[in-house]
Amino acid sequence: MNINVPAWAREDFWNEPPPGTMEFWGFRFPPPCAVGDRLVFRFDKVPVAEAVVYIIEPPGVRVCEHSGRWRNLWKVFWTPDSFRDLCGDVALLALAGRAR
């Protein structure tokens, strides 16, 4: 599944989550993915990172531990060890013509 990261979210996108926590992306509707699926994060259509879906939660189960927001969204979680920065991929950078 592709996730187009909006410009407003990019500054914090590369920050590591606190130890023992997982990252998530929120959706207003049930996400079109399943546990074990590959997530591809894109900046302006260029793939910059990938991860593997670990958990999908319906709205109301929990909020963002950092901001206290996003309670009313579906959440797709991934573990930090499944996250891979694609900006170091030489072939990808040549194809995209730029880095982050």
N, C-alpha and C. Protein backbone atom coordinates (compact mmCIF):
# COMPACT_ATOMS: atom_id res chain seq x y z
N MET A 1 0.85 -1.17 0.00
CA MET A 1 0.00 0.00 0.00
C MET A 1 0.89 1.23 0.00
N ASN A 2 0.55 2.20 -0.81
CA ASN A 2 1.29 3.46 -0.88
C ASN A 2 0.69 4.48 0.08
N ILE A 3 1.55 5.20 0.78
CA ILE A 3 1.13 6.29 1.66
C ILE A 3 1.87 7.54 1.20
N ASN A 4 1.11 8.50 0.70
CA ASN A 4 1.71 9.77 0.29
C ASN A 4 1.79 10.68 1.51
N VAL A 5 2.99 10.93 1.97
CA VAL A 5 3.22 11.74 3.17
C VAL A 5 3.08 13.21 2.80
N PRO A 6 2.12 13.91 3.41
CA PRO A 6 1.94 15.34 3.09
C PRO A 6 3.11 16.17 3.60
N ALA A 7 3.32 17.31 2.98
CA ALA A 7 4.44 18.19 3.33
C ALA A 7 4.45 18.53 4.82
N TRP A 8 3.29 18.74 5.43
CA TRP A 8 3.24 19.14 6.84
C TRP A 8 3.73 18.03 7.77
N ALA A 9 3.72 16.77 7.33
CA ALA A 9 4.12 15.65 8.19
C ALA A 9 5.56 15.22 7.97
N ARG A 10 6.24 15.77 7.00
CA ARG A 10 7.58 15.30 6.64
C ARG A 10 8.66 15.65 7.64
N GLU A 11 8.54 16.77 8.30
CA GLU A 11 9.58 17.18 9.25
C GLU A 11 9.74 16.16 10.37
N ASP A 12 8.63 15.64 10.88
CA ASP A 12 8.68 14.66 11.97
C ASP A 12 8.75 13.22 11.48
N PHE A 13 8.60 13.00 10.19
CA PHE A 13 8.54 11.65 9.65
C PHE A 13 9.78 10.83 9.98
N TRP A 14 10.95 11.44 9.96
CA TRP A 14 12.20 10.71 10.15
C TRP A 14 12.60 10.55 11.62
N ASN A 15 11.83 11.13 12.55
CA ASN A 15 12.15 11.00 13.97
C ASN A 15 11.87 9.57 14.43
N GLU A 16 12.81 9.02 15.18
CA GLU A 16 12.65 7.67 15.73
C GLU A 16 11.59 7.70 16.83
N PRO A 17 10.75 6.66 16.90
CA PRO A 17 9.77 6.61 18.00
C PRO A 17 10.48 6.28 19.31
N PRO A 18 9.88 6.64 20.43
CA PRO A 18 10.47 6.28 21.73
C PRO A 18 10.60 4.76 21.86
N PRO A 19 11.59 4.30 22.60
CA PRO A 19 11.76 2.85 22.79
C PRO A 19 10.47 2.20 23.29
N GLY A 20 10.17 1.03 22.74
CA GLY A 20 9.00 0.29 23.16
C GLY A 20 7.68 0.73 22.54
N THR A 21 7.74 1.66 21.59
CA THR A 21 6.52 2.13 20.93
C THR A 21 6.57 1.81 19.44
N MET A 22 5.41 1.92 18.80
CA MET A 22 5.32 1.70 17.37
C MET A 22 4.83 2.97 16.70
N GLU A 23 5.16 3.11 15.45
CA GLU A 23 4.65 4.21 14.63
C GLU A 23 3.34 3.77 14.00
N PHE A 24 2.50 4.76 13.62
CA PHE A 24 1.27 4.43 12.90
C PHE A 24 0.94 5.54 11.92
N TRP A 25 0.05 5.19 11.00
CA TRP A 25 -0.51 6.17 10.07
C TRP A 25 -2.02 6.05 10.22
N GLY A 26 -2.70 7.19 10.26
CA GLY A 26 -4.14 7.20 10.48
C GLY A 26 -4.94 7.38 9.20
N PHE A 27 -6.10 6.74 9.17
CA PHE A 27 -7.00 6.80 8.02
C PHE A 27 -8.43 7.05 8.49
N ARG A 28 -9.19 7.84 7.75
CA ARG A 28 -10.58 8.09 8.09
C ARG A 28 -11.47 6.88 7.85
N PHE A 29 -11.09 6.05 6.89
CA PHE A 29 -11.87 4.87 6.54
C PHE A 29 -11.01 3.62 6.73
N PRO A 30 -11.60 2.44 6.78
CA PRO A 30 -10.78 1.23 6.93
C PRO A 30 -9.69 1.18 5.86
N PRO A 31 -8.44 1.00 6.26
CA PRO A 31 -7.34 1.03 5.30
C PRO A 31 -7.35 -0.17 4.36
N PRO A 32 -6.91 0.02 3.12
CA PRO A 32 -6.91 -1.07 2.13
C PRO A 32 -5.66 -1.94 2.25
N CYS A 33 -5.43 -2.49 3.43
CA CYS A 33 -4.26 -3.34 3.64
C CYS A 33 -4.57 -4.35 4.74
N ALA A 34 -3.65 -5.27 4.94
CA ALA A 34 -3.80 -6.30 5.97
C ALA A 34 -2.47 -6.46 6.70
N VAL A 35 -2.52 -7.10 7.86
CA VAL A 35 -1.30 -7.38 8.62
C VAL A 35 -0.35 -8.16 7.72
N GLY A 36 0.92 -7.73 7.71
CA GLY A 36 1.94 -8.37 6.87
C GLY A 36 2.14 -7.69 5.53
N ASP A 37 1.23 -6.79 5.14
CA ASP A 37 1.38 -6.08 3.87
C ASP A 37 2.52 -5.06 3.95
N ARG A 38 3.05 -4.74 2.82
CA ARG A 38 4.12 -3.75 2.70
C ARG A 38 3.52 -2.35 2.57
N LEU A 39 4.06 -1.41 3.34
CA LEU A 39 3.70 0.00 3.23
C LEU A 39 4.85 0.71 2.53
N VAL A 40 4.55 1.55 1.56
CA VAL A 40 5.57 2.34 0.89
C VAL A 40 5.21 3.81 1.10
N PHE A 41 6.11 4.53 1.78
CA PHE A 41 5.90 5.94 2.06
C PHE A 41 6.54 6.76 0.95
N ARG A 42 5.79 7.75 0.46
CA ARG A 42 6.25 8.55 -0.68
C ARG A 42 6.20 10.03 -0.36
N PHE A 43 7.21 10.75 -0.83
CA PHE A 43 7.24 12.21 -0.81
C PHE A 43 7.12 12.63 -2.27
N ASP A 44 6.08 13.34 -2.62
CA ASP A 44 5.87 13.79 -4.00
C ASP A 44 6.01 12.62 -4.99
N LYS A 45 5.39 11.51 -4.68
CA LYS A 45 5.34 10.30 -5.51
C LYS A 45 6.64 9.49 -5.52
N VAL A 46 7.69 9.95 -4.84
CA VAL A 46 8.97 9.25 -4.80
C VAL A 46 9.03 8.39 -3.53
N PRO A 47 9.28 7.08 -3.67
CA PRO A 47 9.38 6.23 -2.48
C PRO A 47 10.58 6.62 -1.63
N VAL A 48 10.34 6.84 -0.33
CA VAL A 48 11.43 7.24 0.56
C VAL A 48 11.64 6.25 1.71
N ALA A 49 10.62 5.42 1.99
CA ALA A 49 10.74 4.45 3.09
C ALA A 49 9.68 3.37 2.90
N GLU A 50 9.91 2.27 3.62
CA GLU A 50 8.91 1.20 3.62
C GLU A 50 8.87 0.56 5.00
N ALA A 51 7.78 -0.13 5.27
CA ALA A 51 7.59 -0.86 6.53
C ALA A 51 6.58 -1.96 6.27
N VAL A 52 6.38 -2.80 7.29
CA VAL A 52 5.43 -3.90 7.20
C VAL A 52 4.33 -3.68 8.23
N VAL A 53 3.07 -3.82 7.80
CA VAL A 53 1.93 -3.65 8.70
C VAL A 53 2.01 -4.68 9.82
N TYR A 54 1.93 -4.19 11.06
CA TYR A 54 2.00 -5.06 12.23
C TYR A 54 0.62 -5.23 12.88
N ILE A 55 -0.12 -4.12 13.01
CA ILE A 55 -1.45 -4.14 13.62
C ILE A 55 -2.32 -3.12 12.88
N ILE A 56 -3.60 -3.41 12.76
CA ILE A 56 -4.58 -2.44 12.28
C ILE A 56 -5.63 -2.31 13.38
N GLU A 57 -5.87 -1.06 13.82
CA GLU A 57 -6.83 -0.81 14.90
C GLU A 57 -7.96 0.08 14.41
N PRO A 58 -9.18 -0.21 14.85
CA PRO A 58 -10.31 0.66 14.53
C PRO A 58 -10.24 1.94 15.36
N PRO A 59 -11.02 2.94 14.99
CA PRO A 59 -11.04 4.20 15.77
C PRO A 59 -11.42 3.96 17.23
N GLY A 60 -10.87 4.81 18.10
CA GLY A 60 -11.23 4.80 19.51
C GLY A 60 -10.42 3.92 20.42
N VAL A 61 -9.52 3.11 19.88
CA VAL A 61 -8.76 2.19 20.72
C VAL A 61 -7.64 2.92 21.47
N ARG A 62 -6.90 3.79 20.77
CA ARG A 62 -5.85 4.57 21.44
C ARG A 62 -5.55 5.83 20.64
N VAL A 63 -4.77 6.71 21.27
CA VAL A 63 -4.38 7.97 20.65
C VAL A 63 -2.87 7.98 20.46
N CYS A 64 -2.37 8.95 19.74
CA CYS A 64 -0.93 9.14 19.57
C CYS A 64 -0.31 9.43 20.94
N GLU A 65 0.70 8.66 21.31
CA GLU A 65 1.35 8.85 22.61
C GLU A 65 2.07 10.19 22.71
N HIS A 66 2.50 10.71 21.57
CA HIS A 66 3.24 11.98 21.55
C HIS A 66 2.31 13.18 21.60
N SER A 67 1.26 13.17 20.77
CA SER A 67 0.41 14.36 20.64
C SER A 67 -0.96 14.23 21.31
N GLY A 68 -1.39 13.00 21.62
CA GLY A 68 -2.71 12.80 22.18
C GLY A 68 -3.82 12.93 21.14
N ARG A 69 -3.46 12.94 19.87
CA ARG A 69 -4.43 13.13 18.78
C ARG A 69 -4.71 11.81 18.05
N TRP A 70 -5.58 11.89 17.08
CA TRP A 70 -5.89 10.82 16.12
C TRP A 70 -6.76 9.71 16.70
N ARG A 71 -7.50 9.98 17.77
CA ARG A 71 -8.36 8.96 18.37
C ARG A 71 -9.42 8.44 17.40
N ASN A 72 -9.96 9.28 16.55
CA ASN A 72 -11.08 8.90 15.69
C ASN A 72 -10.66 8.33 14.33
N LEU A 73 -9.44 7.91 14.20
CA LEU A 73 -8.96 7.36 12.93
C LEU A 73 -8.65 5.87 13.05
N TRP A 74 -8.76 5.17 11.92
CA TRP A 74 -8.21 3.82 11.81
C TRP A 74 -6.70 3.98 11.85
N LYS A 75 -5.99 3.07 12.51
CA LYS A 75 -4.54 3.19 12.62
C LYS A 75 -3.86 1.95 12.10
N VAL A 76 -2.86 2.18 11.24
CA VAL A 76 -2.02 1.10 10.72
C VAL A 76 -0.66 1.26 11.39
N PHE A 77 -0.28 0.28 12.21
CA PHE A 77 0.98 0.32 12.96
C PHE A 77 2.04 -0.53 12.28
N TRP A 78 3.30 -0.12 12.45
CA TRP A 78 4.45 -0.93 12.05
C TRP A 78 5.48 -0.85 13.15
N THR A 79 6.33 -1.85 13.24
CA THR A 79 7.38 -1.86 14.26
C THR A 79 8.61 -1.14 13.72
N PRO A 80 9.40 -0.54 14.59
CA PRO A 80 10.60 0.16 14.14
C PRO A 80 11.57 -0.76 13.38
N ASP A 81 11.63 -2.04 13.74
CA ASP A 81 12.57 -2.93 13.05
C ASP A 81 12.13 -3.27 11.62
N SER A 82 10.86 -3.04 11.28
CA SER A 82 10.42 -3.30 9.90
C SER A 82 10.58 -2.06 9.01
N PHE A 83 10.85 -0.90 9.62
CA PHE A 83 10.99 0.34 8.86
C PHE A 83 12.33 0.38 8.14
N ARG A 84 12.30 0.71 6.87
CA ARG A 84 13.53 0.79 6.07
C ARG A 84 13.57 2.10 5.30
N ASP A 85 14.62 2.86 5.48
CA ASP A 85 14.85 4.11 4.76
C ASP A 85 15.32 3.76 3.35
N LEU A 86 14.58 4.18 2.34
CA LEU A 86 14.95 3.88 0.96
C LEU A 86 15.82 4.96 0.32
N CYS A 87 16.05 6.05 1.02
CA CYS A 87 16.84 7.14 0.45
C CYS A 87 18.29 6.75 0.22
N GLY A 88 18.77 5.72 0.90
CA GLY A 88 20.13 5.26 0.70
C GLY A 88 20.27 4.29 -0.45
N ASP A 89 19.16 3.90 -1.05
CA ASP A 89 19.17 2.96 -2.17
C ASP A 89 19.64 3.69 -3.42
N VAL A 90 20.84 3.37 -3.89
CA VAL A 90 21.46 4.08 -5.02
C VAL A 90 20.59 4.01 -6.27
N ALA A 91 20.03 2.84 -6.55
CA ALA A 91 19.19 2.69 -7.75
C ALA A 91 17.95 3.56 -7.64
N LEU A 92 17.37 3.61 -6.46
CA LEU A 92 16.18 4.43 -6.26
C LEU A 92 16.50 5.91 -6.44
N LEU A 93 17.63 6.35 -5.86
CA LEU A 93 18.00 7.75 -6.00
C LEU A 93 18.27 8.12 -7.46
N ALA A 94 18.89 7.21 -8.20
CA ALA A 94 19.15 7.49 -9.61
C ALA A 94 17.83 7.61 -10.37
N LEU A 95 16.89 6.73 -10.04
CA LEU A 95 15.58 6.75 -10.70
C LEU A 95 14.83 8.03 -10.36
N ALA A 96 14.85 8.40 -9.08
CA ALA A 96 14.11 9.57 -8.64
C ALA A 96 14.83 10.87 -8.95
N GLY A 97 16.15 10.81 -9.06
CA GLY A 97 16.92 12.02 -9.35
C GLY A 97 17.09 12.94 -8.18
N ARG A 98 16.76 12.46 -6.98
CA ARG A 98 16.91 13.31 -5.79
C ARG A 98 16.80 12.47 -4.53
N ALA A 99 17.16 13.09 -3.43
CA ALA A 99 17.03 12.44 -2.12
C ALA A 99 16.08 13.26 -1.28
N ARG A 100 15.92 12.86 -0.02
CA ARG A 100 15.02 13.62 0.86
C ARG A 100 15.62 14.91 1.13
